[in-house]
N, C-alpha and C. Protein backbone atom coordinates (compact mmCIF):
# COMPACT_ATOMS: atom_id res chain seq x y z
N UNK A 1 40.87 40.92 -51.62
CA UNK A 1 40.30 39.80 -50.07
C UNK A 1 40.36 39.66 -49.21
N UNK A 2 41.50 39.65 -48.61
CA UNK A 2 42.45 39.61 -47.73
C UNK A 2 41.85 40.65 -46.75
N UNK A 3 41.82 42.49 -47.41
CA UNK A 3 41.35 43.21 -46.55
C UNK A 3 39.64 43.05 -46.29
N UNK A 4 39.23 42.67 -46.77
CA UNK A 4 38.01 42.93 -46.39
C UNK A 4 37.36 41.52 -46.05
N UNK A 5 37.52 40.67 -45.68
CA UNK A 5 37.85 39.13 -44.72
C UNK A 5 38.11 40.20 -43.58
N UNK A 6 39.32 40.63 -43.65
CA UNK A 6 39.66 41.18 -42.32
C UNK A 6 38.82 42.19 -41.30
N UNK A 7 37.78 43.08 -42.37
CA UNK A 7 36.54 44.12 -42.27
C UNK A 7 35.54 43.54 -41.51
N UNK A 8 35.21 42.11 -42.68
CA UNK A 8 34.27 41.83 -42.13
C UNK A 8 34.25 41.16 -40.80
N UNK A 9 35.69 40.11 -40.33
CA UNK A 9 35.34 39.78 -38.46
C UNK A 9 35.43 41.28 -38.12
N UNK A 10 35.61 42.29 -38.41
CA UNK A 10 36.01 43.20 -37.49
C UNK A 10 34.32 43.73 -37.37
N UNK A 11 33.61 43.92 -37.89
CA UNK A 11 32.16 44.21 -37.49
C UNK A 11 31.58 42.99 -37.53
N UNK A 12 31.91 42.37 -37.45
CA UNK A 12 30.61 41.07 -36.81
C UNK A 12 31.56 40.42 -35.30
N UNK A 13 32.99 41.09 -35.13
CA UNK A 13 32.76 41.26 -33.24
C UNK A 13 31.82 42.31 -32.55
N UNK A 14 32.06 43.40 -33.78
CA UNK A 14 30.94 44.94 -32.76
C UNK A 14 29.87 44.02 -32.64
N UNK A 15 29.45 43.49 -33.73
CA UNK A 15 28.04 42.92 -33.22
C UNK A 15 27.34 41.88 -32.54
N UNK A 16 28.67 41.40 -32.34
CA UNK A 16 28.29 40.35 -31.31
C UNK A 16 28.73 41.09 -29.74
N UNK A 17 29.24 41.88 -30.02
CA UNK A 17 29.74 43.03 -28.49
C UNK A 17 28.52 43.49 -28.33
N UNK A 18 27.74 44.32 -29.13
CA UNK A 18 26.10 45.31 -29.14
C UNK A 18 25.05 43.83 -28.74
N UNK A 19 25.32 42.51 -29.17
CA UNK A 19 24.46 41.87 -28.92
C UNK A 19 24.33 41.57 -26.97
N UNK A 20 25.92 41.42 -26.88
CA UNK A 20 26.27 40.89 -26.00
C UNK A 20 25.59 42.26 -24.71
N UNK A 21 25.42 42.76 -24.71
CA UNK A 21 25.89 44.11 -24.23
C UNK A 21 24.03 43.73 -24.21
N UNK A 22 23.09 43.78 -24.82
CA UNK A 22 22.18 43.88 -25.00
C UNK A 22 21.58 43.31 -23.89
N UNK A 23 21.93 41.80 -24.53
CA UNK A 23 21.68 41.25 -23.33
C UNK A 23 21.12 41.05 -21.73
N UNK A 24 23.19 41.29 -22.01
CA UNK A 24 23.50 41.82 -20.34
C UNK A 24 22.81 43.24 -19.51
N UNK A 25 22.28 44.23 -20.30
CA UNK A 25 21.85 44.76 -19.81
C UNK A 25 19.81 45.09 -19.57
N UNK A 26 19.41 43.72 -20.46
CA UNK A 26 18.24 42.70 -20.59
C UNK A 26 18.10 41.98 -18.98
N UNK A 27 19.44 41.88 -18.67
CA UNK A 27 19.15 41.11 -17.71
C UNK A 27 19.19 41.96 -16.55
N UNK A 28 20.45 42.63 -16.18
CA UNK A 28 19.76 43.40 -15.31
C UNK A 28 18.90 44.09 -15.50
N UNK A 29 18.47 44.61 -16.06
CA UNK A 29 17.02 44.86 -16.13
C UNK A 29 15.69 44.16 -15.53
N UNK A 30 16.06 42.61 -15.25
CA UNK A 30 15.11 42.07 -15.36
C UNK A 30 15.19 41.94 -13.38
N UNK A 31 16.34 41.57 -13.13
CA UNK A 31 17.17 41.69 -12.18
C UNK A 31 16.35 43.17 -10.73
N UNK A 32 16.12 44.19 -11.14
CA UNK A 32 15.72 45.11 -10.57
C UNK A 32 14.23 45.39 -10.19
N UNK A 33 13.78 44.72 -11.66
CA UNK A 33 12.31 44.43 -11.87
C UNK A 33 11.57 43.61 -10.91
N UNK A 34 12.69 42.77 -10.71
CA UNK A 34 11.86 41.85 -10.64
C UNK A 34 12.20 41.08 -8.42
N UNK A 35 13.37 41.39 -8.49
CA UNK A 35 14.01 40.61 -7.48
C UNK A 35 14.18 42.47 -6.29
N UNK A 36 13.45 42.13 -5.70
CA UNK A 36 13.91 43.86 -4.64
C UNK A 36 15.48 43.16 -4.36
N UNK A 37 16.26 44.38 -3.79
CA UNK A 37 17.07 44.59 -2.76
C UNK A 37 17.76 44.08 -1.89
N UNK A 38 16.14 44.29 -1.01
CA UNK A 38 15.96 43.64 0.79
C UNK A 38 14.51 43.48 0.57
N UNK A 39 14.88 42.29 1.37
CA UNK A 39 13.65 41.83 2.29
C UNK A 39 13.12 42.69 3.41
N UNK A 40 11.07 43.02 2.92
CA UNK A 40 11.05 43.77 3.28
C UNK A 40 10.72 42.98 4.79
N UNK A 41 10.22 41.63 4.52
CA UNK A 41 10.07 40.65 5.25
C UNK A 41 10.58 40.95 7.27
N UNK A 42 11.67 41.03 6.51
CA UNK A 42 13.32 39.95 7.88
C UNK A 42 12.94 41.58 8.06
N UNK A 43 13.54 42.79 7.39
CA UNK A 43 14.15 44.08 8.13
C UNK A 43 12.98 44.44 8.89
N UNK A 44 11.44 44.34 8.49
CA UNK A 44 10.35 44.33 9.91
C UNK A 44 10.41 43.78 10.18
N UNK A 45 10.94 42.57 10.52
CA UNK A 45 11.06 41.61 12.18
C UNK A 45 12.27 41.58 12.73
N UNK A 46 13.24 41.93 11.78
CA UNK A 46 14.67 42.77 12.51
C UNK A 46 14.09 44.33 13.78
N UNK A 47 13.01 45.00 13.14
CA UNK A 47 12.33 46.09 14.24
C UNK A 47 11.77 45.83 14.83
N UNK A 48 10.95 44.96 14.49
CA UNK A 48 10.19 44.00 15.91
C UNK A 48 11.27 43.53 16.69
N UNK A 49 11.62 42.99 16.44
CA UNK A 49 13.03 42.04 17.61
C UNK A 49 13.55 43.62 18.52
N UNK A 50 13.83 44.91 17.83
CA UNK A 50 14.25 45.79 18.18
C UNK A 50 13.36 46.27 18.71
N UNK A 51 11.94 46.72 18.41
CA UNK A 51 11.08 47.05 19.37
C UNK A 51 10.72 46.72 20.57
N UNK A 52 10.78 45.17 20.50
CA UNK A 52 10.90 44.38 22.17
C UNK A 52 11.18 44.63 23.21
N UNK A 53 13.03 44.56 22.56
CA UNK A 53 13.58 45.06 23.51
C UNK A 53 13.66 45.99 23.87
N UNK A 54 13.52 47.41 23.39
CA UNK A 54 13.16 49.05 24.44
C UNK A 54 12.10 48.66 24.80
N UNK A 55 10.91 48.09 24.50
CA UNK A 55 9.33 47.85 25.26
C UNK A 55 10.52 47.62 26.91
N UNK A 56 10.44 45.72 26.86
CA UNK A 56 11.25 45.66 27.69
C UNK A 56 12.09 45.82 28.88
N UNK A 57 12.86 46.76 28.25
CA UNK A 57 13.51 47.96 28.64
C UNK A 57 13.02 48.68 29.60
N UNK A 58 12.14 49.28 28.94
CA UNK A 58 11.46 50.54 29.33
C UNK A 58 10.47 50.47 30.85
N UNK A 59 9.45 49.14 30.73
CA UNK A 59 8.59 48.82 31.38
C UNK A 59 9.42 47.87 33.20
N UNK A 60 10.44 47.37 32.85
CA UNK A 60 10.91 46.90 33.83
C UNK A 60 11.11 47.13 34.81
N UNK A 61 10.61 46.31 36.22
CA UNK A 61 11.31 46.71 36.84
C UNK A 61 11.79 45.02 38.34
N UNK A 62 11.54 45.53 39.33
CA UNK A 62 12.05 44.37 39.85
C UNK A 62 11.31 44.00 40.82
N UNK A 63 11.37 42.61 41.53
CA UNK A 63 10.35 42.22 42.82
C UNK A 63 11.18 41.19 43.88
N UNK A 64 10.88 41.44 44.26
CA UNK A 64 12.00 40.86 45.77
C UNK A 64 10.53 39.62 46.94
N UNK A 65 10.87 39.14 46.99
CA UNK A 65 9.31 38.18 48.22
C UNK A 65 10.60 37.35 48.86
N UNK A 66 10.22 37.44 50.32
CA UNK A 66 10.99 36.82 50.74
C UNK A 66 10.03 36.01 52.49
N UNK A 67 10.11 35.63 52.76
CA UNK A 67 9.26 35.11 54.06
C UNK A 67 9.98 35.41 55.63
N UNK A 68 9.43 35.99 56.26
CA UNK A 68 9.72 36.70 57.80
C UNK A 68 8.95 36.48 59.05
N UNK A 69 9.60 35.69 59.66
CA UNK A 69 9.52 34.79 60.78
C UNK A 69 10.19 35.88 62.32
N UNK A 70 8.99 36.56 63.02
CA UNK A 70 9.50 37.22 64.22
C UNK A 70 8.89 37.30 65.24
N UNK A 71 9.95 37.06 65.58
CA UNK A 71 9.26 36.83 67.92
C UNK A 71 9.57 38.36 67.91
N UNK A 72 8.39 38.86 68.19
CA UNK A 72 8.17 40.22 68.50
C UNK A 72 6.74 39.87 70.05
N UNK A 73 7.34 40.59 71.00
CA UNK A 73 6.68 40.57 72.05
C UNK A 73 6.19 42.20 72.35
N UNK A 74 5.92 43.15 71.60
CA UNK A 74 6.10 44.56 72.54
C UNK A 74 4.21 44.76 71.57
N UNK A 75 4.02 45.72 72.13
CA UNK A 75 2.25 45.84 71.63
C UNK A 75 2.40 46.95 70.50
N UNK A 76 3.51 47.42 69.34
CA UNK A 76 3.26 48.19 68.61
C UNK A 76 3.74 48.07 67.21
N UNK A 77 4.92 48.49 67.21
CA UNK A 77 5.86 47.89 66.09
C UNK A 77 7.27 47.57 65.64
N UNK A 78 7.68 47.04 64.92
CA UNK A 78 9.59 46.74 65.42
C UNK A 78 9.69 47.06 64.23
N UNK A 79 10.84 46.68 63.35
CA UNK A 79 11.97 47.20 62.15
C UNK A 79 12.89 46.30 63.11
N UNK A 80 13.52 45.08 61.06
CA UNK A 80 14.54 44.57 61.78
C UNK A 80 15.81 45.47 60.73
N UNK A 81 16.88 44.72 60.66
CA UNK A 81 17.82 45.82 59.95
C UNK A 81 18.28 44.60 58.14
N UNK A 82 18.02 44.76 57.22
CA UNK A 82 17.90 43.72 56.48
C UNK A 82 18.84 43.55 56.37
N UNK A 83 19.98 41.92 55.85
CA UNK A 83 21.00 42.66 55.55
C UNK A 83 21.30 42.64 54.09
N UNK A 84 21.97 43.21 53.29
CA UNK A 84 21.64 43.76 51.76
C UNK A 84 22.50 42.82 51.28
N UNK A 85 24.18 42.49 51.89
CA UNK A 85 25.00 41.88 50.88
C UNK A 85 23.69 40.29 50.65
N UNK A 86 22.50 39.27 51.37
CA UNK A 86 22.02 39.09 50.71
C UNK A 86 20.89 39.06 49.35
N UNK A 87 21.37 40.13 48.89
CA UNK A 87 20.46 40.70 48.35
C UNK A 87 20.65 41.18 46.74
N UNK A 88 19.91 40.86 45.70
CA UNK A 88 20.75 41.55 44.47
C UNK A 88 20.21 42.94 44.18
N UNK A 89 18.86 43.09 44.65
CA UNK A 89 18.40 44.12 44.16
C UNK A 89 18.54 45.62 45.44
N UNK A 90 18.23 46.23 45.38
CA UNK A 90 18.05 47.82 45.98
C UNK A 90 16.68 47.90 47.23
N UNK A 91 17.08 47.86 48.51
CA UNK A 91 15.80 47.91 49.34
C UNK A 91 14.14 49.11 49.30
N UNK A 92 13.66 49.53 48.26
CA UNK A 92 13.03 50.58 47.73
C UNK A 92 11.61 50.54 48.61
N UNK A 93 10.95 50.28 48.33
CA UNK A 93 9.37 49.86 48.67
C UNK A 93 8.67 48.95 49.68
N UNK A 94 7.62 48.73 50.49
CA UNK A 94 7.15 46.99 51.06
C UNK A 94 6.15 47.25 50.60
N UNK A 95 5.74 45.83 50.46
CA UNK A 95 4.62 45.19 51.16
C UNK A 95 4.43 44.51 51.40
N UNK A 96 3.64 44.36 52.44
CA UNK A 96 4.06 43.44 53.61
C UNK A 96 2.47 42.55 53.90
N UNK A 97 2.26 40.86 54.14
CA UNK A 97 1.39 40.51 54.36
C UNK A 97 1.60 39.55 55.77
N UNK A 98 0.52 39.60 56.41
CA UNK A 98 -0.21 38.22 57.24
C UNK A 98 -0.37 37.14 56.54
N UNK A 99 -0.24 35.85 57.36
CA UNK A 99 -0.32 34.60 56.86
C UNK A 99 -1.85 34.86 55.97
N UNK A 100 -2.37 35.06 56.71
CA UNK A 100 -4.30 35.60 55.94
C UNK A 100 -3.81 36.57 54.60
N UNK A 101 -3.25 37.18 54.18
CA UNK A 101 -2.93 38.05 53.28
C UNK A 101 -3.66 39.03 53.22
N UNK A 102 -3.82 39.53 55.04
CA UNK A 102 -3.87 40.51 55.36
C UNK A 102 -2.84 41.61 55.25
N UNK A 103 -3.20 42.82 54.28
CA UNK A 103 -2.47 43.99 54.12
C UNK A 103 -1.41 44.46 55.42
N UNK A 104 -0.51 44.66 56.19
CA UNK A 104 0.08 45.24 57.15
C UNK A 104 1.75 46.36 56.29
N UNK A 105 0.76 47.06 57.38
CA UNK A 105 1.73 49.09 56.92
C UNK A 105 2.74 48.56 57.70
N UNK A 106 3.60 48.88 56.46
CA UNK A 106 5.29 48.36 56.25
C UNK A 106 6.37 49.88 55.74
N UNK A 107 7.15 49.91 55.44
CA UNK A 107 7.92 50.47 55.41
C UNK A 107 10.06 50.93 55.78
N UNK A 108 10.33 51.16 54.54
CA UNK A 108 11.37 50.88 54.30
C UNK A 108 11.98 51.89 54.53
N UNK A 109 13.42 51.93 55.59
CA UNK A 109 14.40 52.96 55.74
C UNK A 109 15.17 53.13 55.90
N UNK A 110 16.34 53.37 54.86
CA UNK A 110 17.51 52.10 54.28
C UNK A 110 16.73 51.00 54.64
N UNK A 111 18.13 50.08 55.40
CA UNK A 111 17.98 48.64 55.37
C UNK A 111 17.20 48.04 56.33
N UNK A 112 16.33 49.22 57.22
CA UNK A 112 15.15 48.84 58.39
C UNK A 112 14.23 48.97 57.45
N UNK A 113 13.37 47.44 58.24
CA UNK A 113 11.98 47.29 57.55
C UNK A 113 10.86 47.17 58.76
N UNK A 114 10.41 48.16 58.63
CA UNK A 114 9.17 48.78 59.95
C UNK A 114 8.08 47.88 59.64
N UNK A 115 7.68 47.63 61.11
CA UNK A 115 6.20 46.64 60.20
C UNK A 115 5.38 47.15 61.51
N UNK A 116 4.13 47.41 61.52
CA UNK A 116 3.01 47.65 62.24
C UNK A 116 2.17 46.27 62.74
N UNK A 117 2.77 45.17 63.60
CA UNK A 117 1.74 44.43 63.64
C UNK A 117 2.86 43.43 65.15
N UNK A 118 1.66 42.82 65.43
CA UNK A 118 2.48 41.89 66.72
C UNK A 118 2.38 40.24 66.17
N UNK A 119 2.23 40.54 64.76
CA UNK A 119 2.18 38.77 64.20
C UNK A 119 3.71 38.30 64.45
N UNK A 120 3.79 36.77 63.90
CA UNK A 120 4.71 35.96 63.89
C UNK A 120 5.62 36.06 62.60
N UNK A 121 4.39 35.43 61.82
CA UNK A 121 4.32 35.08 60.08
C UNK A 121 4.28 36.55 58.97
N UNK A 122 5.33 36.58 58.85
CA UNK A 122 4.49 37.46 57.36
C UNK A 122 5.37 36.99 56.19
N UNK A 123 5.05 37.63 54.68
CA UNK A 123 5.49 38.29 53.28
C UNK A 123 5.29 39.01 52.54
N UNK A 124 6.71 39.58 52.90
CA UNK A 124 7.23 40.70 52.51
C UNK A 124 7.35 40.60 51.34
N UNK A 125 7.06 41.61 50.41
CA UNK A 125 7.82 41.79 48.82
C UNK A 125 8.20 43.04 48.73
N UNK A 126 9.28 43.54 47.71
CA UNK A 126 9.42 44.67 48.26
C UNK A 126 10.35 44.39 46.24
N UNK A 127 9.57 46.36 45.86
CA UNK A 127 9.91 46.44 44.88
C UNK A 127 9.84 48.24 44.69
N UNK A 128 10.35 48.78 43.52
CA UNK A 128 9.57 50.08 43.09
C UNK A 128 8.52 50.31 43.24
N UNK A 129 7.51 48.87 42.89
CA UNK A 129 6.18 49.40 42.07
C UNK A 129 5.56 49.74 43.14
N UNK A 130 5.52 49.69 44.46
CA UNK A 130 4.42 49.68 45.31
C UNK A 130 4.38 51.38 46.26
N UNK A 131 3.05 50.99 46.96
CA UNK A 131 3.46 53.20 47.51
C UNK A 131 3.80 53.35 48.30
N UNK A 132 4.49 53.69 49.16
CA UNK A 132 5.53 53.93 49.92
C UNK A 132 4.15 55.01 51.43
N UNK A 133 4.98 54.01 52.95
CA UNK A 133 3.96 54.54 53.32
C UNK A 133 4.96 54.96 55.07
N UNK A 134 4.17 55.37 56.22
CA UNK A 134 4.67 56.20 57.03
C UNK A 134 4.93 55.71 57.68
N UNK A 135 5.85 55.41 59.19
CA UNK A 135 6.24 54.94 59.90
C UNK A 135 7.01 55.05 60.77
N UNK A 136 7.72 55.53 61.45
CA UNK A 136 8.12 55.60 62.90
C UNK A 136 8.00 55.22 63.88
N UNK A 137 9.28 55.18 65.30
CA UNK A 137 9.09 54.75 66.64
C UNK A 137 8.42 53.84 66.86
N UNK A 138 9.41 52.78 65.90
CA UNK A 138 9.33 51.03 66.21
C UNK A 138 10.71 50.31 66.95
N UNK A 139 10.22 49.90 67.69
CA UNK A 139 11.35 48.73 68.69
C UNK A 139 12.02 47.40 67.70
N UNK A 140 13.08 47.63 67.88
CA UNK A 140 14.32 47.01 66.88
C UNK A 140 14.07 45.95 67.71
N UNK A 141 14.02 44.71 66.39
CA UNK A 141 13.83 43.09 66.72
C UNK A 141 14.73 43.27 66.54
N UNK A 142 15.69 41.82 66.62
CA UNK A 142 16.93 41.14 66.75
C UNK A 142 16.12 39.35 66.64
N UNK A 143 15.58 39.62 67.49
CA UNK A 143 14.85 37.11 67.11
C UNK A 143 14.38 37.74 66.36
N UNK A 144 14.91 37.27 64.43
CA UNK A 144 13.87 36.81 63.60
C UNK A 144 14.14 36.35 62.78
N UNK A 145 14.04 36.03 61.79
CA UNK A 145 14.84 34.88 60.66
C UNK A 145 13.67 35.00 59.38
N UNK A 146 14.62 34.71 58.23
CA UNK A 146 14.24 35.10 57.00
C UNK A 146 14.67 33.81 56.23
N UNK A 147 13.85 33.72 54.61
CA UNK A 147 13.72 31.79 54.45
C UNK A 147 12.69 32.35 52.92
N UNK A 148 13.11 31.68 52.40
CA UNK A 148 12.45 31.65 50.66
C UNK A 148 12.38 32.58 50.37
N UNK A 149 14.00 33.59 49.76
CA UNK A 149 14.06 34.97 48.75
C UNK A 149 13.74 34.14 47.11
N UNK A 150 13.59 35.35 47.24
CA UNK A 150 13.33 35.09 45.50
C UNK A 150 13.53 36.36 45.23
N UNK A 151 13.96 36.82 44.10
CA UNK A 151 15.02 37.81 43.41
C UNK A 151 14.26 38.04 41.75
N UNK A 152 13.49 38.64 41.26
CA UNK A 152 13.62 39.00 39.64
C UNK A 152 13.15 40.28 39.34
N UNK A 153 13.58 39.90 37.40
CA UNK A 153 12.91 41.73 36.57
C UNK A 153 11.32 41.21 36.62
N UNK A 154 10.60 41.71 36.73
CA UNK A 154 9.46 41.96 35.72
C UNK A 154 8.97 42.94 35.43
N UNK A 155 7.99 43.38 35.01
CA UNK A 155 6.74 44.84 34.34
C UNK A 155 6.61 45.11 35.13
N UNK A 156 6.31 46.57 34.91
CA UNK A 156 5.91 47.48 35.69
C UNK A 156 4.14 48.05 35.14
N UNK A 157 3.57 47.97 36.15
CA UNK A 157 2.68 47.92 35.74
C UNK A 157 1.48 49.58 35.99
N UNK A 158 1.98 50.00 36.34
CA UNK A 158 2.14 51.94 36.31
C UNK A 158 3.22 52.52 35.00
N UNK A 159 4.52 52.17 34.21
CA UNK A 159 4.77 52.30 33.72
C UNK A 159 4.49 51.65 31.99
N UNK A 160 3.64 51.05 32.10
CA UNK A 160 2.48 50.39 31.30
C UNK A 160 1.63 51.47 31.14
N UNK A 161 0.91 52.37 31.83
CA UNK A 161 -0.02 52.46 31.62
C UNK A 161 0.67 54.15 31.22
N UNK A 162 2.01 54.25 32.06
CA UNK A 162 2.61 56.41 31.40
C UNK A 162 2.68 55.56 29.91
N UNK A 163 2.75 55.01 29.52
CA UNK A 163 3.05 54.18 28.01
C UNK A 163 1.82 53.87 27.02
N UNK A 164 1.25 53.63 27.87
CA UNK A 164 -0.29 54.14 27.22
C UNK A 164 -0.45 55.22 26.79
N UNK A 165 -0.82 55.82 28.41
CA UNK A 165 -0.73 57.43 28.25
C UNK A 165 0.10 57.99 26.76
N UNK A 166 0.59 57.54 26.67
CA UNK A 166 2.03 58.48 25.62
C UNK A 166 1.16 58.23 24.21
N UNK A 167 1.75 56.74 24.09
CA UNK A 167 1.11 56.25 22.51
C UNK A 167 -0.27 56.84 21.97
N UNK A 168 -1.09 57.06 22.82
CA UNK A 168 -1.71 58.64 22.69
C UNK A 168 -2.05 59.81 22.34
N UNK A 169 -1.51 60.50 23.45
CA UNK A 169 -1.03 61.40 23.29
C UNK A 169 0.54 62.20 22.82
N UNK A 170 1.31 61.58 22.98
CA UNK A 170 2.87 61.96 22.14
C UNK A 170 3.29 60.87 21.13
N UNK A 171 2.19 60.61 20.40
CA UNK A 171 3.02 58.80 19.76
C UNK A 171 4.25 58.70 19.28
N UNK A 172 4.52 60.25 18.35
CA UNK A 172 6.04 60.41 17.50
C UNK A 172 6.98 60.33 18.63
N UNK A 173 6.51 60.64 19.85
CA UNK A 173 7.41 61.23 21.20
C UNK A 173 8.18 59.62 21.54
N UNK A 174 7.07 58.59 21.57
CA UNK A 174 6.94 57.41 21.89
C UNK A 174 7.92 56.55 20.50
N UNK A 175 7.73 56.60 19.53
CA UNK A 175 8.14 56.13 18.83
C UNK A 175 10.16 56.24 18.57
N UNK A 176 10.29 57.69 18.73
CA UNK A 176 11.89 58.25 19.33
C UNK A 176 11.89 57.22 20.87
N UNK A 177 11.22 57.04 21.49
CA UNK A 177 11.41 55.89 23.10
C UNK A 177 12.04 54.82 22.57
N UNK A 178 10.74 54.72 21.40
CA UNK A 178 11.17 53.31 22.05
C UNK A 178 12.32 52.86 20.52
N UNK A 179 12.89 53.80 20.00
CA UNK A 179 13.49 53.89 18.91
C UNK A 179 13.08 53.10 17.27
N UNK A 180 12.38 53.53 17.08
CA UNK A 180 11.16 53.00 15.88
C UNK A 180 11.23 54.22 15.05
N UNK A 181 11.89 53.85 13.73
CA UNK A 181 12.75 54.36 12.94
C UNK A 181 11.09 54.45 12.40
N UNK A 182 11.41 56.48 11.86
CA UNK A 182 10.43 57.05 11.28
C UNK A 182 8.84 56.10 10.30
N UNK A 183 9.90 55.19 9.53
CA UNK A 183 8.54 54.58 8.43
C UNK A 183 8.11 53.86 8.50
N UNK A 184 8.47 53.43 10.25
CA UNK A 184 7.35 52.07 10.25
C UNK A 184 6.11 53.05 11.36
N UNK A 185 5.62 52.22 11.76
CA UNK A 185 4.21 52.50 12.82
C UNK A 185 4.13 51.14 13.78
N UNK A 186 3.44 51.43 14.86
CA UNK A 186 3.85 50.46 15.71
C UNK A 186 2.81 49.87 16.67
N UNK A 187 1.84 48.96 17.33
CA UNK A 187 1.11 48.94 18.04
C UNK A 187 1.38 47.65 18.78
N UNK A 188 0.60 47.69 20.09
CA UNK A 188 0.99 47.14 20.99
C UNK A 188 -0.30 45.99 21.87
N UNK A 189 -0.44 45.50 22.02
CA UNK A 189 -1.62 44.70 22.27
C UNK A 189 -1.59 44.01 23.38
N UNK A 190 -2.55 44.20 24.49
CA UNK A 190 -2.16 43.27 26.32
C UNK A 190 -3.46 42.99 26.11
N UNK A 191 -2.70 41.26 26.15
CA UNK A 191 -4.60 40.37 25.97
C UNK A 191 -5.08 40.61 27.79
N UNK A 192 -4.24 40.17 28.55
CA UNK A 192 -4.71 40.20 29.83
C UNK A 192 -5.11 41.33 30.77
N UNK A 193 -4.46 42.20 29.74
CA UNK A 193 -5.30 43.76 30.30
C UNK A 193 -5.06 44.69 29.19
N UNK A 194 -6.37 44.40 28.98
CA UNK A 194 -7.17 45.07 27.08
C UNK A 194 -6.75 47.12 27.19
N UNK A 195 -7.13 47.13 29.03
CA UNK A 195 -6.68 48.93 29.09
C UNK A 195 -5.86 49.45 28.72
N UNK A 196 -4.84 48.43 28.65
CA UNK A 196 -3.23 48.91 28.14
C UNK A 196 -3.48 48.79 26.69
N UNK A 197 -4.15 48.76 26.11
CA UNK A 197 -3.79 47.89 24.55
C UNK A 197 -3.88 49.76 24.39
N UNK A 198 -2.07 49.95 22.86
CA UNK A 198 -2.07 50.84 22.53
C UNK A 198 -2.13 49.93 20.94
N UNK A 199 -3.21 50.63 20.12
CA UNK A 199 -3.47 50.77 18.72
C UNK A 199 -4.01 52.30 18.10
N UNK A 200 -3.88 52.11 16.92
CA UNK A 200 -4.01 52.69 16.24
C UNK A 200 -4.46 52.10 15.01
N UNK A 201 -4.79 52.53 13.94
CA UNK A 201 -5.77 52.43 12.41
C UNK A 201 -5.38 51.58 11.81
N UNK A 202 -3.93 50.44 10.36
CA UNK A 202 -3.88 49.95 10.32
C UNK A 202 -4.30 50.32 8.51
N UNK A 203 -3.08 51.19 8.11
CA UNK A 203 -3.64 50.84 5.94
C UNK A 203 -4.10 49.43 6.00
N UNK A 204 -5.15 49.33 4.71
CA UNK A 204 -4.92 48.11 4.19
C UNK A 204 -4.04 48.08 2.86
N UNK A 205 -4.11 47.07 2.65
CA UNK A 205 -2.87 46.96 1.99
C UNK A 205 -1.35 46.79 2.01
N UNK A 206 -1.40 46.91 3.69
CA UNK A 206 -0.11 47.43 3.97
C UNK A 206 -0.10 46.27 5.03
N UNK A 207 1.82 45.17 4.43
CA UNK A 207 2.09 43.99 5.67
C UNK A 207 2.52 44.44 6.90
N UNK A 208 1.70 43.80 7.44
CA UNK A 208 2.20 43.67 9.31
C UNK A 208 2.67 42.70 9.65
N UNK A 209 3.60 42.83 10.65
CA UNK A 209 4.31 41.99 11.01
C UNK A 209 4.55 41.74 12.42
N UNK A 210 4.00 40.84 12.86
CA UNK A 210 4.03 40.73 14.98
C UNK A 210 4.22 40.02 15.16
N UNK A 211 5.05 40.03 16.56
CA UNK A 211 5.36 39.02 17.08
C UNK A 211 4.81 38.72 18.74
N UNK A 212 4.66 37.40 19.37
CA UNK A 212 3.83 37.12 20.72
C UNK A 212 5.07 37.33 21.26
N UNK A 213 5.48 38.00 23.01
CA UNK A 213 5.81 37.85 24.06
C UNK A 213 4.81 37.08 25.16
N UNK A 214 5.63 36.92 25.77
CA UNK A 214 4.67 36.94 27.75
C UNK A 214 6.09 37.59 28.99
N UNK A 215 5.25 38.21 28.66
CA UNK A 215 5.64 39.41 30.42
C UNK A 215 5.20 39.14 32.13
N UNK A 216 5.63 38.90 32.74
CA UNK A 216 4.99 38.79 34.57
C UNK A 216 5.15 40.72 34.65
N UNK A 217 3.92 40.53 34.80
CA UNK A 217 3.73 42.60 34.88
C UNK A 217 2.86 42.36 36.69
N UNK A 218 3.73 43.46 36.82
CA UNK A 218 3.33 43.21 38.23
C UNK A 218 2.92 44.58 38.45
N UNK A 219 0.82 44.82 39.36
CA UNK A 219 0.42 45.85 39.97
C UNK A 219 0.96 46.17 41.59
N UNK A 220 0.64 47.24 42.51
CA UNK A 220 1.12 48.07 43.11
C UNK A 220 0.44 47.57 43.90
N UNK A 221 -0.35 47.12 44.18
CA UNK A 221 -1.49 45.47 44.87
C UNK A 221 -0.68 44.61 45.38
N UNK A 222 0.84 44.06 44.93
CA UNK A 222 1.58 42.69 44.97
C UNK A 222 1.17 41.67 43.55
N UNK A 223 0.11 42.00 42.84
CA UNK A 223 -0.53 40.97 42.15
C UNK A 223 0.29 40.92 40.37
N UNK A 224 0.70 39.72 40.56
CA UNK A 224 1.97 39.11 39.41
C UNK A 224 0.72 38.67 38.17
N UNK A 225 0.57 39.62 36.89
CA UNK A 225 -0.36 38.44 36.14
C UNK A 225 0.47 38.25 34.74
N UNK A 226 0.37 36.95 34.74
CA UNK A 226 0.99 36.63 33.51
C UNK A 226 0.65 37.04 31.71
N UNK A 227 1.06 38.02 31.51
CA UNK A 227 0.11 38.76 30.29
C UNK A 227 0.90 38.39 29.11
N UNK A 228 0.89 38.64 27.87
CA UNK A 228 0.88 38.30 25.97
C UNK A 228 1.20 39.55 26.05
N UNK A 229 1.62 39.98 24.85
CA UNK A 229 1.47 40.94 24.59
C UNK A 229 1.99 40.58 22.71
N UNK A 230 1.27 41.27 22.08
CA UNK A 230 1.46 41.32 20.63
C UNK A 230 1.95 42.23 20.25
N UNK A 231 3.10 42.71 19.45
CA UNK A 231 4.07 43.43 19.02
C UNK A 231 3.99 43.51 17.81
N UNK A 232 3.65 44.85 17.01
CA UNK A 232 3.61 45.35 15.77
C UNK A 232 3.81 46.09 15.08
N UNK A 233 4.62 46.12 13.89
CA UNK A 233 4.99 46.99 12.61
C UNK A 233 4.41 46.56 11.39
N UNK A 234 3.98 47.64 10.51
CA UNK A 234 4.01 48.21 9.91
C UNK A 234 4.69 49.80 8.57
């Protein structure tokens, strides 16, 4: 009787272990079938954030605005030597307008700004976005004053145009430039500049994650446009 009782207890213990194992495996199967090991929404949101960083870094440029008063009594053009120690950004291309917003021919040569005018007051803008002019043989002017210096990081309309063209003609290359994983697709909507929209067909029944961002976009005529961008990944 004692030996049979011992075997009965061992058999019951084995049965309990088998039942426990079945319950454990059932629980694991339930976890894998009902709970995803990762959150695709969180992953897509991370891709959108990373895409924005790459997007902004690719299209950014700089813009400097400063007011100039020049006491010039000559008859042709003059140049002034800008003190670069007061400026954050390098001197690149210039766009100069008088107080009536009439554009004046101008050119940077190193730290020297040439201006083809005999006026007094000027609004000077400096950025790589502007077109270059050719102007020389001007008189050195030392009697001038500067004021209202504003320097900021903006977005380049020309760079956006190049990106939009690449989206159409070399989509995979653009994805690599922007560090977008191969499994994702992207779209960028420029609400105030629809001619630059980057869109493609989005398949049905896919999750699309989008975020809105606002950037200042600089054109080569000096116009700055506050633009809302919608960045999408799916």
